[in-house]
Amino acid sequence: MIGRLRGTLLEKCPPHLLIDVGGVAYEVSAPMFTFYHLPDIGQQATLHTHLVVREDAQLLFGFMHMHERALFRSLIKVSAVGPKLALAILSGMEAQHFVGCVMQNDTDSLVRIPGIGKKTAERLVIEMRDRLNDWQVAETALTAPICAENVLDNAKQEAISALIALGYKPQEAKKAISLIKETCESSEAFIRSALRNMMSKA
């Protein structure tokens, strides 16, 4: 089991990244809240990882904090929740926010995440509640990113591709990016704004 990686960040293309560890480049999938805290390309990054072994692939998932990895591991134990959906959940809301939704039976917030319908949201609340008793629930909010000017158009295209990879339909992804009013300096900033806006819809 690969539990942690520390190396040079080579590529960032949400939700995927490439990290060089001693000459070996690892492909890692990470939730957006991990991408928000990654250093620039060429700098050192440390990720807590979880390896999923399937008959047709070995998939490596990375997280900035151990509690995020722990939550991911709990999520993939839920019926009908695989690694891709667990990644979408941790990209759609912060870990602490998700815990709050579960403890407060807030299925309305959970169904705003792509891939989660009413039944899945109810299943998450039921199956995750006992596993989250040790979490210290605090009120959290999805805050807006601080964006800069002079943004390249390809940042929007990368953001749209990332949203599609997270489970949103192409039309939804394009609309979400087009509705962002602030100017963002990176694809991660566009994605964060889009996710915040979609999660805040009534």
N, C-alpha and C. Protein backbone atom coordinates (compact mmCIF):
# COMPACT_ATOMS: atom_id res chain seq x y z
N MET A 1 0.84 -1.20 0.00
CA MET A 1 0.00 0.00 0.00
C MET A 1 0.88 1.25 0.00
N ILE A 2 0.58 2.18 -0.88
CA ILE A 2 1.29 3.46 -0.93
C ILE A 2 0.51 4.43 -0.05
N GLY A 3 1.09 4.83 1.08
CA GLY A 3 0.39 5.66 2.04
C GLY A 3 0.69 7.15 1.95
N ARG A 4 1.85 7.49 1.37
CA ARG A 4 2.19 8.90 1.26
C ARG A 4 3.18 9.11 0.14
N LEU A 5 3.07 10.23 -0.54
CA LEU A 5 4.01 10.61 -1.58
C LEU A 5 4.57 11.99 -1.29
N ARG A 6 5.87 12.13 -1.49
CA ARG A 6 6.49 13.44 -1.40
C ARG A 6 7.44 13.57 -2.58
N GLY A 7 7.20 14.57 -3.41
CA GLY A 7 8.05 14.73 -4.58
C GLY A 7 7.76 16.03 -5.30
N THR A 8 8.27 16.12 -6.51
CA THR A 8 8.12 17.33 -7.31
C THR A 8 6.83 17.28 -8.11
N LEU A 9 6.06 18.33 -8.01
CA LEU A 9 4.80 18.41 -8.74
C LEU A 9 5.09 18.74 -10.20
N LEU A 10 4.72 17.83 -11.11
CA LEU A 10 5.02 18.00 -12.53
C LEU A 10 3.85 18.56 -13.32
N GLU A 11 2.65 18.09 -13.01
CA GLU A 11 1.47 18.50 -13.77
C GLU A 11 0.27 18.65 -12.84
N LYS A 12 -0.60 19.59 -13.19
CA LYS A 12 -1.87 19.77 -12.48
C LYS A 12 -2.97 19.95 -13.52
N CYS A 13 -3.81 18.95 -13.66
CA CYS A 13 -4.93 19.00 -14.58
C CYS A 13 -6.13 18.39 -13.87
N PRO A 14 -6.83 19.19 -13.06
CA PRO A 14 -7.88 18.68 -12.19
C PRO A 14 -8.85 17.75 -12.91
N PRO A 15 -9.19 16.60 -12.28
CA PRO A 15 -8.80 16.20 -10.91
C PRO A 15 -7.53 15.35 -10.86
N HIS A 16 -6.69 15.41 -11.90
CA HIS A 16 -5.49 14.58 -11.93
C HIS A 16 -4.23 15.43 -11.77
N LEU A 17 -3.21 14.80 -11.21
CA LEU A 17 -1.91 15.46 -11.09
C LEU A 17 -0.81 14.41 -11.25
N LEU A 18 0.38 14.89 -11.52
CA LEU A 18 1.55 14.02 -11.71
C LEU A 18 2.64 14.50 -10.77
N ILE A 19 3.17 13.57 -9.97
CA ILE A 19 4.19 13.93 -9.00
C ILE A 19 5.39 13.00 -9.14
N ASP A 20 6.58 13.60 -9.24
CA ASP A 20 7.82 12.85 -9.42
C ASP A 20 8.44 12.53 -8.07
N VAL A 21 8.61 11.25 -7.81
CA VAL A 21 9.23 10.79 -6.56
C VAL A 21 10.45 9.96 -6.91
N GLY A 22 11.62 10.55 -6.78
CA GLY A 22 12.86 9.84 -7.06
C GLY A 22 12.97 9.33 -8.48
N GLY A 23 12.44 10.09 -9.44
CA GLY A 23 12.54 9.69 -10.83
C GLY A 23 11.36 8.89 -11.34
N VAL A 24 10.44 8.52 -10.44
CA VAL A 24 9.23 7.80 -10.83
C VAL A 24 8.05 8.76 -10.72
N ALA A 25 7.31 8.93 -11.81
CA ALA A 25 6.19 9.87 -11.81
C ALA A 25 4.88 9.12 -11.54
N TYR A 26 4.19 9.53 -10.49
CA TYR A 26 2.94 8.89 -10.10
C TYR A 26 1.75 9.73 -10.56
N GLU A 27 0.78 9.07 -11.19
CA GLU A 27 -0.47 9.73 -11.54
C GLU A 27 -1.42 9.62 -10.35
N VAL A 28 -1.93 10.74 -9.92
CA VAL A 28 -2.77 10.77 -8.72
C VAL A 28 -4.05 11.55 -9.01
N SER A 29 -5.17 11.04 -8.55
CA SER A 29 -6.43 11.77 -8.62
C SER A 29 -6.68 12.40 -7.25
N ALA A 30 -7.09 13.65 -7.25
CA ALA A 30 -7.27 14.36 -5.99
C ALA A 30 -8.53 15.21 -6.02
N PRO A 31 -9.19 15.38 -4.86
CA PRO A 31 -10.37 16.26 -4.80
C PRO A 31 -9.95 17.71 -4.97
N MET A 32 -10.89 18.55 -5.36
CA MET A 32 -10.56 19.94 -5.64
C MET A 32 -10.05 20.68 -4.40
N PHE A 33 -10.51 20.32 -3.22
CA PHE A 33 -10.04 21.02 -2.03
C PHE A 33 -8.58 20.70 -1.73
N THR A 34 -8.05 19.64 -2.32
CA THR A 34 -6.61 19.38 -2.26
C THR A 34 -5.89 20.25 -3.29
N PHE A 35 -6.46 20.36 -4.49
CA PHE A 35 -5.86 21.18 -5.54
C PHE A 35 -5.71 22.64 -5.09
N TYR A 36 -6.68 23.14 -4.33
CA TYR A 36 -6.63 24.53 -3.90
C TYR A 36 -5.39 24.83 -3.06
N HIS A 37 -4.81 23.80 -2.44
CA HIS A 37 -3.68 24.02 -1.53
C HIS A 37 -2.36 23.48 -2.07
N LEU A 38 -2.36 23.02 -3.31
CA LEU A 38 -1.12 22.51 -3.89
C LEU A 38 -0.16 23.65 -4.22
N PRO A 39 1.13 23.39 -4.16
CA PRO A 39 2.11 24.42 -4.56
C PRO A 39 2.16 24.55 -6.07
N ASP A 40 2.98 25.44 -6.57
CA ASP A 40 3.13 25.64 -8.00
C ASP A 40 3.88 24.46 -8.64
N ILE A 41 3.73 24.34 -9.93
CA ILE A 41 4.47 23.32 -10.68
C ILE A 41 5.97 23.49 -10.43
N GLY A 42 6.64 22.37 -10.20
CA GLY A 42 8.08 22.40 -9.96
C GLY A 42 8.46 22.43 -8.50
N GLN A 43 7.50 22.64 -7.62
CA GLN A 43 7.78 22.68 -6.20
C GLN A 43 7.45 21.33 -5.55
N GLN A 44 7.91 21.17 -4.32
CA GLN A 44 7.69 19.94 -3.58
C GLN A 44 6.28 19.88 -3.02
N ALA A 45 5.67 18.70 -3.13
CA ALA A 45 4.32 18.49 -2.61
C ALA A 45 4.28 17.18 -1.84
N THR A 46 3.48 17.16 -0.79
CA THR A 46 3.29 15.95 0.01
C THR A 46 1.81 15.61 0.05
N LEU A 47 1.48 14.37 -0.27
CA LEU A 47 0.09 13.92 -0.28
C LEU A 47 -0.06 12.62 0.48
N HIS A 48 -1.14 12.52 1.23
CA HIS A 48 -1.52 11.26 1.86
C HIS A 48 -2.36 10.50 0.83
N THR A 49 -2.02 9.25 0.58
CA THR A 49 -2.60 8.55 -0.56
C THR A 49 -3.37 7.30 -0.17
N HIS A 50 -4.22 6.91 -1.08
CA HIS A 50 -4.97 5.64 -0.95
C HIS A 50 -4.93 4.96 -2.31
N LEU A 51 -4.55 3.68 -2.33
CA LEU A 51 -4.43 2.92 -3.56
C LEU A 51 -5.63 2.00 -3.72
N VAL A 52 -6.30 2.12 -4.86
CA VAL A 52 -7.42 1.25 -5.20
C VAL A 52 -6.96 0.29 -6.28
N VAL A 53 -7.01 -1.01 -5.98
CA VAL A 53 -6.56 -2.02 -6.94
C VAL A 53 -7.77 -2.71 -7.54
N ARG A 54 -7.87 -2.64 -8.87
CA ARG A 54 -8.95 -3.32 -9.60
C ARG A 54 -8.32 -4.29 -10.59
N GLU A 55 -9.16 -5.11 -11.18
CA GLU A 55 -8.65 -6.07 -12.15
C GLU A 55 -8.02 -5.39 -13.35
N ASP A 56 -8.57 -4.22 -13.72
CA ASP A 56 -8.09 -3.55 -14.93
C ASP A 56 -7.24 -2.32 -14.68
N ALA A 57 -7.04 -1.96 -13.41
CA ALA A 57 -6.27 -0.74 -13.14
C ALA A 57 -5.88 -0.64 -11.67
N GLN A 58 -4.84 0.15 -11.42
CA GLN A 58 -4.45 0.53 -10.07
C GLN A 58 -4.56 2.05 -9.98
N LEU A 59 -5.46 2.53 -9.15
CA LEU A 59 -5.76 3.95 -9.08
C LEU A 59 -5.26 4.53 -7.76
N LEU A 60 -4.53 5.64 -7.86
CA LEU A 60 -3.97 6.28 -6.69
C LEU A 60 -4.68 7.60 -6.43
N PHE A 61 -5.17 7.78 -5.22
CA PHE A 61 -5.87 9.00 -4.84
C PHE A 61 -5.07 9.72 -3.76
N GLY A 62 -4.97 11.06 -3.90
CA GLY A 62 -4.15 11.83 -2.98
C GLY A 62 -4.94 12.90 -2.25
N PHE A 63 -4.52 13.19 -1.01
CA PHE A 63 -5.23 14.16 -0.17
C PHE A 63 -4.23 15.00 0.62
N MET A 64 -4.57 16.25 0.79
CA MET A 64 -3.68 17.15 1.51
C MET A 64 -3.63 16.80 3.00
N HIS A 65 -4.77 16.37 3.55
CA HIS A 65 -4.84 16.09 4.99
C HIS A 65 -5.29 14.65 5.24
N MET A 66 -4.83 14.08 6.34
CA MET A 66 -5.15 12.69 6.66
C MET A 66 -6.64 12.50 6.93
N HIS A 67 -7.29 13.52 7.50
CA HIS A 67 -8.72 13.35 7.79
C HIS A 67 -9.54 13.28 6.50
N GLU A 68 -9.05 13.92 5.43
CA GLU A 68 -9.74 13.81 4.14
C GLU A 68 -9.60 12.40 3.58
N ARG A 69 -8.41 11.83 3.73
CA ARG A 69 -8.21 10.45 3.27
C ARG A 69 -9.07 9.50 4.09
N ALA A 70 -9.16 9.73 5.39
CA ALA A 70 -9.98 8.87 6.25
C ALA A 70 -11.45 8.93 5.82
N LEU A 71 -11.91 10.13 5.48
CA LEU A 71 -13.29 10.28 5.04
C LEU A 71 -13.51 9.58 3.70
N PHE A 72 -12.55 9.71 2.81
CA PHE A 72 -12.62 9.03 1.51
C PHE A 72 -12.73 7.52 1.72
N ARG A 73 -11.94 6.98 2.62
CA ARG A 73 -11.97 5.54 2.88
C ARG A 73 -13.30 5.10 3.46
N SER A 74 -13.91 5.95 4.26
CA SER A 74 -15.23 5.63 4.81
C SER A 74 -16.30 5.70 3.72
N LEU A 75 -16.16 6.68 2.83
CA LEU A 75 -17.16 6.86 1.78
C LEU A 75 -17.21 5.67 0.83
N ILE A 76 -16.05 5.14 0.46
CA ILE A 76 -16.05 4.05 -0.51
C ILE A 76 -16.55 2.74 0.09
N LYS A 77 -16.80 2.72 1.38
CA LYS A 77 -17.41 1.55 2.03
C LYS A 77 -18.94 1.60 1.98
N VAL A 78 -19.47 2.76 1.61
CA VAL A 78 -20.92 2.92 1.52
C VAL A 78 -21.43 2.23 0.26
N SER A 79 -22.58 1.59 0.35
CA SER A 79 -23.17 0.90 -0.79
C SER A 79 -23.35 1.85 -1.97
N ALA A 80 -22.91 1.42 -3.14
CA ALA A 80 -23.07 2.16 -4.39
C ALA A 80 -22.22 3.43 -4.47
N VAL A 81 -21.27 3.59 -3.58
CA VAL A 81 -20.35 4.74 -3.64
C VAL A 81 -18.95 4.23 -3.95
N GLY A 82 -18.48 4.51 -5.15
CA GLY A 82 -17.14 4.11 -5.54
C GLY A 82 -16.16 5.26 -5.41
N PRO A 83 -14.91 5.04 -5.76
CA PRO A 83 -13.89 6.09 -5.65
C PRO A 83 -14.21 7.36 -6.42
N LYS A 84 -14.80 7.22 -7.63
CA LYS A 84 -15.11 8.40 -8.44
C LYS A 84 -16.15 9.27 -7.77
N LEU A 85 -17.20 8.65 -7.23
CA LEU A 85 -18.24 9.42 -6.55
C LEU A 85 -17.72 10.00 -5.25
N ALA A 86 -16.89 9.24 -4.54
CA ALA A 86 -16.30 9.76 -3.29
C ALA A 86 -15.44 10.99 -3.58
N LEU A 87 -14.72 10.95 -4.71
CA LEU A 87 -13.90 12.10 -5.12
C LEU A 87 -14.79 13.30 -5.44
N ALA A 88 -15.91 13.04 -6.10
CA ALA A 88 -16.85 14.12 -6.42
C ALA A 88 -17.42 14.75 -5.16
N ILE A 89 -17.70 13.92 -4.17
CA ILE A 89 -18.24 14.44 -2.90
C ILE A 89 -17.23 15.36 -2.24
N LEU A 90 -15.98 14.93 -2.17
CA LEU A 90 -14.94 15.73 -1.51
C LEU A 90 -14.48 16.90 -2.37
N SER A 91 -14.92 16.95 -3.62
CA SER A 91 -14.66 18.11 -4.47
C SER A 91 -15.80 19.11 -4.36
N GLY A 92 -17.01 18.60 -4.11
CA GLY A 92 -18.17 19.46 -4.03
C GLY A 92 -18.31 20.20 -2.72
N MET A 93 -17.76 19.65 -1.66
CA MET A 93 -17.82 20.33 -0.36
C MET A 93 -16.65 19.89 0.51
N GLU A 94 -16.27 20.77 1.42
CA GLU A 94 -15.19 20.44 2.33
C GLU A 94 -15.60 19.27 3.22
N ALA A 95 -14.61 18.54 3.71
CA ALA A 95 -14.89 17.38 4.54
C ALA A 95 -15.77 17.72 5.73
N GLN A 96 -15.45 18.83 6.40
CA GLN A 96 -16.21 19.21 7.58
C GLN A 96 -17.65 19.58 7.21
N HIS A 97 -17.82 20.17 6.04
CA HIS A 97 -19.16 20.52 5.56
C HIS A 97 -19.97 19.25 5.31
N PHE A 98 -19.34 18.25 4.71
CA PHE A 98 -20.02 16.98 4.47
C PHE A 98 -20.44 16.34 5.78
N VAL A 99 -19.56 16.34 6.74
CA VAL A 99 -19.88 15.77 8.05
C VAL A 99 -21.10 16.47 8.65
N GLY A 100 -21.13 17.78 8.53
CA GLY A 100 -22.26 18.54 9.05
C GLY A 100 -23.56 18.15 8.37
N CYS A 101 -23.50 17.94 7.05
CA CYS A 101 -24.70 17.53 6.30
C CYS A 101 -25.21 16.18 6.79
N VAL A 102 -24.28 15.26 7.01
CA VAL A 102 -24.68 13.93 7.48
C VAL A 102 -25.29 14.00 8.87
N MET A 103 -24.65 14.70 9.77
CA MET A 103 -25.12 14.76 11.15
C MET A 103 -26.44 15.52 11.28
N GLN A 104 -26.71 16.41 10.32
CA GLN A 104 -27.94 17.20 10.37
C GLN A 104 -29.01 16.70 9.39
N ASN A 105 -28.77 15.51 8.81
CA ASN A 105 -29.72 14.92 7.86
C ASN A 105 -30.02 15.87 6.69
N ASP A 106 -29.02 16.61 6.25
CA ASP A 106 -29.20 17.59 5.19
C ASP A 106 -29.00 16.94 3.82
N THR A 107 -29.98 16.16 3.38
CA THR A 107 -29.87 15.50 2.09
C THR A 107 -30.02 16.48 0.93
N ASP A 108 -30.68 17.61 1.17
CA ASP A 108 -30.87 18.60 0.11
C ASP A 108 -29.52 19.12 -0.40
N SER A 109 -28.57 19.31 0.50
CA SER A 109 -27.24 19.77 0.08
C SER A 109 -26.48 18.67 -0.64
N LEU A 110 -26.65 17.44 -0.19
CA LEU A 110 -25.91 16.32 -0.78
C LEU A 110 -26.34 16.05 -2.22
N VAL A 111 -27.64 16.22 -2.53
CA VAL A 111 -28.10 15.90 -3.88
C VAL A 111 -27.63 16.93 -4.91
N ARG A 112 -27.04 18.02 -4.47
CA ARG A 112 -26.48 19.00 -5.41
C ARG A 112 -25.15 18.54 -6.00
N ILE A 113 -24.59 17.51 -5.41
CA ILE A 113 -23.33 16.95 -5.92
C ILE A 113 -23.65 16.01 -7.07
N PRO A 114 -22.94 16.13 -8.21
CA PRO A 114 -23.25 15.27 -9.36
C PRO A 114 -23.09 13.79 -9.01
N GLY A 115 -24.07 12.99 -9.44
CA GLY A 115 -24.01 11.56 -9.17
C GLY A 115 -24.76 11.13 -7.94
N ILE A 116 -25.23 12.09 -7.15
CA ILE A 116 -25.94 11.76 -5.92
C ILE A 116 -27.42 12.12 -6.07
N GLY A 117 -28.25 11.11 -6.06
CA GLY A 117 -29.69 11.31 -6.08
C GLY A 117 -30.23 11.25 -4.66
N LYS A 118 -31.53 11.31 -4.55
CA LYS A 118 -32.16 11.33 -3.24
C LYS A 118 -31.86 10.06 -2.45
N LYS A 119 -31.96 8.91 -3.11
CA LYS A 119 -31.72 7.64 -2.42
C LYS A 119 -30.28 7.51 -1.95
N THR A 120 -29.34 7.93 -2.81
CA THR A 120 -27.93 7.86 -2.42
C THR A 120 -27.64 8.80 -1.27
N ALA A 121 -28.23 9.99 -1.30
CA ALA A 121 -28.04 10.94 -0.20
C ALA A 121 -28.57 10.37 1.10
N GLU A 122 -29.72 9.74 1.05
CA GLU A 122 -30.29 9.14 2.26
C GLU A 122 -29.41 7.99 2.76
N ARG A 123 -28.86 7.22 1.82
CA ARG A 123 -27.98 6.12 2.20
C ARG A 123 -26.70 6.65 2.85
N LEU A 124 -26.17 7.73 2.31
CA LEU A 124 -24.97 8.34 2.90
C LEU A 124 -25.22 8.77 4.33
N VAL A 125 -26.37 9.41 4.56
CA VAL A 125 -26.69 9.88 5.90
C VAL A 125 -26.79 8.71 6.87
N ILE A 126 -27.48 7.64 6.44
CA ILE A 126 -27.69 6.49 7.31
C ILE A 126 -26.40 5.75 7.60
N GLU A 127 -25.63 5.46 6.54
CA GLU A 127 -24.44 4.63 6.70
C GLU A 127 -23.23 5.38 7.25
N MET A 128 -23.19 6.69 7.03
CA MET A 128 -22.02 7.45 7.47
C MET A 128 -22.16 8.01 8.89
N ARG A 129 -23.38 8.14 9.39
CA ARG A 129 -23.57 8.83 10.66
C ARG A 129 -22.75 8.20 11.79
N ASP A 130 -22.84 6.88 11.95
CA ASP A 130 -22.11 6.21 13.03
C ASP A 130 -20.60 6.30 12.84
N ARG A 131 -20.16 6.36 11.60
CA ARG A 131 -18.72 6.41 11.32
C ARG A 131 -18.14 7.80 11.59
N LEU A 132 -19.00 8.79 11.74
CA LEU A 132 -18.53 10.17 11.90
C LEU A 132 -18.72 10.71 13.32
N ASN A 133 -19.00 9.82 14.24
CA ASN A 133 -19.24 10.26 15.62
C ASN A 133 -18.05 10.97 16.24
N ASP A 134 -16.86 10.60 15.78
CA ASP A 134 -15.65 11.19 16.38
C ASP A 134 -15.27 12.53 15.75
N TRP A 135 -15.98 12.94 14.71
CA TRP A 135 -15.67 14.21 14.07
C TRP A 135 -16.22 15.35 14.90
N GLN A 136 -15.49 16.41 14.97
CA GLN A 136 -15.95 17.61 15.65
C GLN A 136 -16.59 18.51 14.61
N VAL A 137 -17.92 18.53 14.61
CA VAL A 137 -18.65 19.27 13.60
C VAL A 137 -18.60 20.76 13.89
N ALA A 138 -18.26 21.51 12.88
CA ALA A 138 -18.24 22.97 13.01
C ALA A 138 -18.94 23.55 11.80
N GLU A 139 -19.49 24.73 11.95
CA GLU A 139 -20.15 25.37 10.83
C GLU A 139 -19.10 25.82 9.84
N THR A 140 -19.29 25.43 8.59
CA THR A 140 -18.34 25.81 7.54
C THR A 140 -19.11 26.38 6.38
N ALA A 141 -18.42 27.11 5.56
CA ALA A 141 -19.05 27.68 4.38
C ALA A 141 -18.09 27.58 3.22
N LEU A 142 -18.64 27.44 2.03
CA LEU A 142 -17.81 27.44 0.83
C LEU A 142 -17.54 28.88 0.46
N THR A 143 -16.34 29.30 0.66
CA THR A 143 -16.01 30.70 0.45
C THR A 143 -15.56 30.93 -0.98
N ALA A 144 -15.70 32.13 -1.41
CA ALA A 144 -15.30 32.48 -2.77
C ALA A 144 -13.80 32.61 -2.86
N PRO A 145 -13.22 32.21 -3.98
CA PRO A 145 -11.78 32.34 -4.14
C PRO A 145 -11.40 33.79 -4.41
N ILE A 146 -10.19 34.10 -4.07
CA ILE A 146 -9.66 35.42 -4.40
C ILE A 146 -9.01 35.30 -5.77
N CYS A 147 -9.57 35.97 -6.75
CA CYS A 147 -9.11 35.79 -8.12
C CYS A 147 -8.37 37.01 -8.62
N ALA A 148 -7.46 36.78 -9.53
CA ALA A 148 -6.66 37.87 -10.09
C ALA A 148 -7.10 38.14 -11.52
N GLU A 149 -6.52 39.17 -12.10
CA GLU A 149 -6.84 39.54 -13.48
C GLU A 149 -5.90 38.83 -14.44
N ASN A 150 -6.05 39.17 -15.72
CA ASN A 150 -5.18 38.63 -16.77
C ASN A 150 -5.22 37.10 -16.81
N VAL A 151 -6.42 36.56 -16.96
CA VAL A 151 -6.59 35.11 -16.98
C VAL A 151 -6.59 34.60 -18.41
N LEU A 152 -5.92 33.50 -18.64
CA LEU A 152 -5.89 32.90 -19.97
C LEU A 152 -7.19 32.13 -20.22
N ASP A 153 -7.64 32.14 -21.46
CA ASP A 153 -8.88 31.46 -21.80
C ASP A 153 -8.80 29.95 -21.55
N ASN A 154 -7.60 29.38 -21.68
CA ASN A 154 -7.51 27.93 -21.51
C ASN A 154 -7.78 27.50 -20.08
N ALA A 155 -7.68 28.44 -19.13
CA ALA A 155 -8.02 28.11 -17.74
C ALA A 155 -9.49 27.74 -17.64
N LYS A 156 -10.34 28.45 -18.40
CA LYS A 156 -11.77 28.13 -18.42
C LYS A 156 -12.00 26.76 -19.04
N GLN A 157 -11.30 26.48 -20.13
CA GLN A 157 -11.47 25.18 -20.78
C GLN A 157 -11.02 24.05 -19.88
N GLU A 158 -9.92 24.25 -19.16
CA GLU A 158 -9.45 23.23 -18.22
C GLU A 158 -10.46 23.04 -17.10
N ALA A 159 -11.06 24.13 -16.66
CA ALA A 159 -12.06 24.05 -15.59
C ALA A 159 -13.29 23.27 -16.07
N ILE A 160 -13.73 23.53 -17.30
CA ILE A 160 -14.88 22.81 -17.86
C ILE A 160 -14.57 21.32 -17.94
N SER A 161 -13.38 20.98 -18.42
CA SER A 161 -12.99 19.57 -18.53
C SER A 161 -12.96 18.90 -17.17
N ALA A 162 -12.48 19.64 -16.16
CA ALA A 162 -12.41 19.08 -14.81
C ALA A 162 -13.80 18.83 -14.24
N LEU A 163 -14.72 19.75 -14.47
CA LEU A 163 -16.08 19.58 -13.97
C LEU A 163 -16.75 18.38 -14.64
N ILE A 164 -16.49 18.20 -15.92
CA ILE A 164 -17.03 17.04 -16.62
C ILE A 164 -16.45 15.76 -16.03
N ALA A 165 -15.14 15.78 -15.73
CA ALA A 165 -14.49 14.61 -15.14
C ALA A 165 -15.05 14.31 -13.75
N LEU A 166 -15.54 15.34 -13.06
CA LEU A 166 -16.12 15.15 -11.74
C LEU A 166 -17.57 14.68 -11.80
N GLY A 167 -18.14 14.60 -12.99
CA GLY A 167 -19.47 14.04 -13.12
C GLY A 167 -20.54 14.98 -13.64
N TYR A 168 -20.21 16.25 -13.86
CA TYR A 168 -21.20 17.19 -14.39
C TYR A 168 -21.35 17.00 -15.90
N LYS A 169 -22.55 17.26 -16.40
CA LYS A 169 -22.78 17.19 -17.83
C LYS A 169 -22.07 18.36 -18.51
N PRO A 170 -21.64 18.19 -19.78
CA PRO A 170 -20.93 19.27 -20.48
C PRO A 170 -21.69 20.59 -20.47
N GLN A 171 -23.02 20.52 -20.68
CA GLN A 171 -23.82 21.75 -20.68
C GLN A 171 -23.80 22.43 -19.32
N GLU A 172 -23.89 21.61 -18.25
CA GLU A 172 -23.85 22.15 -16.89
C GLU A 172 -22.50 22.79 -16.59
N ALA A 173 -21.43 22.12 -17.03
CA ALA A 173 -20.09 22.63 -16.77
C ALA A 173 -19.85 23.96 -17.49
N LYS A 174 -20.25 24.03 -18.76
CA LYS A 174 -20.05 25.26 -19.52
C LYS A 174 -20.87 26.40 -18.93
N LYS A 175 -22.11 26.10 -18.54
CA LYS A 175 -22.96 27.13 -17.97
C LYS A 175 -22.40 27.63 -16.64
N ALA A 176 -21.91 26.70 -15.81
CA ALA A 176 -21.37 27.07 -14.50
C ALA A 176 -20.18 28.00 -14.64
N ILE A 177 -19.31 27.73 -15.61
CA ILE A 177 -18.13 28.57 -15.82
C ILE A 177 -18.53 29.92 -16.41
N SER A 178 -19.51 29.90 -17.31
CA SER A 178 -19.92 31.16 -17.95
C SER A 178 -20.59 32.12 -16.98
N LEU A 179 -21.17 31.59 -15.91
CA LEU A 179 -21.88 32.42 -14.94
C LEU A 179 -20.95 33.06 -13.90
N ILE A 180 -19.67 32.69 -13.92
CA ILE A 180 -18.72 33.26 -12.95
C ILE A 180 -18.42 34.70 -13.34
N LYS A 181 -18.67 35.61 -12.45
CA LYS A 181 -18.51 37.03 -12.73
C LYS A 181 -17.09 37.52 -12.45
N GLU A 182 -16.47 36.96 -11.41
CA GLU A 182 -15.13 37.44 -11.07
C GLU A 182 -14.09 36.88 -12.05
N THR A 183 -12.97 37.54 -12.16
CA THR A 183 -11.88 37.09 -13.01
C THR A 183 -10.95 36.22 -12.18
N CYS A 184 -10.68 35.03 -12.69
CA CYS A 184 -9.87 34.08 -11.93
C CYS A 184 -8.52 33.85 -12.61
N GLU A 185 -7.55 33.54 -11.82
CA GLU A 185 -6.18 33.43 -12.33
C GLU A 185 -5.79 32.01 -12.71
N SER A 186 -6.62 31.02 -12.41
CA SER A 186 -6.26 29.64 -12.68
C SER A 186 -7.51 28.81 -12.87
N SER A 187 -7.33 27.60 -13.43
CA SER A 187 -8.47 26.70 -13.60
C SER A 187 -9.02 26.28 -12.25
N GLU A 188 -8.12 26.11 -11.25
CA GLU A 188 -8.58 25.74 -9.92
C GLU A 188 -9.52 26.80 -9.34
N ALA A 189 -9.21 28.06 -9.59
CA ALA A 189 -10.06 29.14 -9.08
C ALA A 189 -11.42 29.13 -9.77
N PHE A 190 -11.43 28.88 -11.09
CA PHE A 190 -12.70 28.79 -11.81
C PHE A 190 -13.53 27.63 -11.26
N ILE A 191 -12.88 26.49 -11.05
CA ILE A 191 -13.59 25.31 -10.55
C ILE A 191 -14.16 25.57 -9.17
N ARG A 192 -13.38 26.21 -8.34
CA ARG A 192 -13.85 26.48 -6.98
C ARG A 192 -15.06 27.40 -7.00
N SER A 193 -15.03 28.41 -7.84
CA SER A 193 -16.16 29.32 -7.95
C SER A 193 -17.40 28.60 -8.49
N ALA A 194 -17.18 27.79 -9.52
CA ALA A 194 -18.30 27.06 -10.12
C ALA A 194 -18.94 26.11 -9.11
N LEU A 195 -18.11 25.36 -8.39
CA LEU A 195 -18.64 24.42 -7.40
C LEU A 195 -19.36 25.16 -6.28
N ARG A 196 -18.80 26.27 -5.86
CA ARG A 196 -19.45 27.05 -4.80
C ARG A 196 -20.82 27.54 -5.26
N ASN A 197 -20.88 28.06 -6.49
CA ASN A 197 -22.14 28.58 -7.00
C ASN A 197 -23.19 27.49 -7.15
N MET A 198 -22.77 26.33 -7.66
CA MET A 198 -23.74 25.25 -7.86
C MET A 198 -24.20 24.66 -6.54
N MET A 199 -23.31 24.60 -5.55
CA MET A 199 -23.68 24.05 -4.25
C MET A 199 -24.57 25.01 -3.47
N SER A 200 -24.54 26.29 -3.80
CA SER A 200 -25.32 27.28 -3.06
C SER A 200 -26.72 27.49 -3.61
N LYS A 201 -27.01 26.81 -4.75
CA LYS A 201 -28.33 26.95 -5.34
C LYS A 201 -29.39 26.33 -4.44
N ALA A 202 -30.51 26.95 -4.36
CA ALA A 202 -31.59 26.42 -3.53
C ALA A 202 -32.23 25.20 -4.17
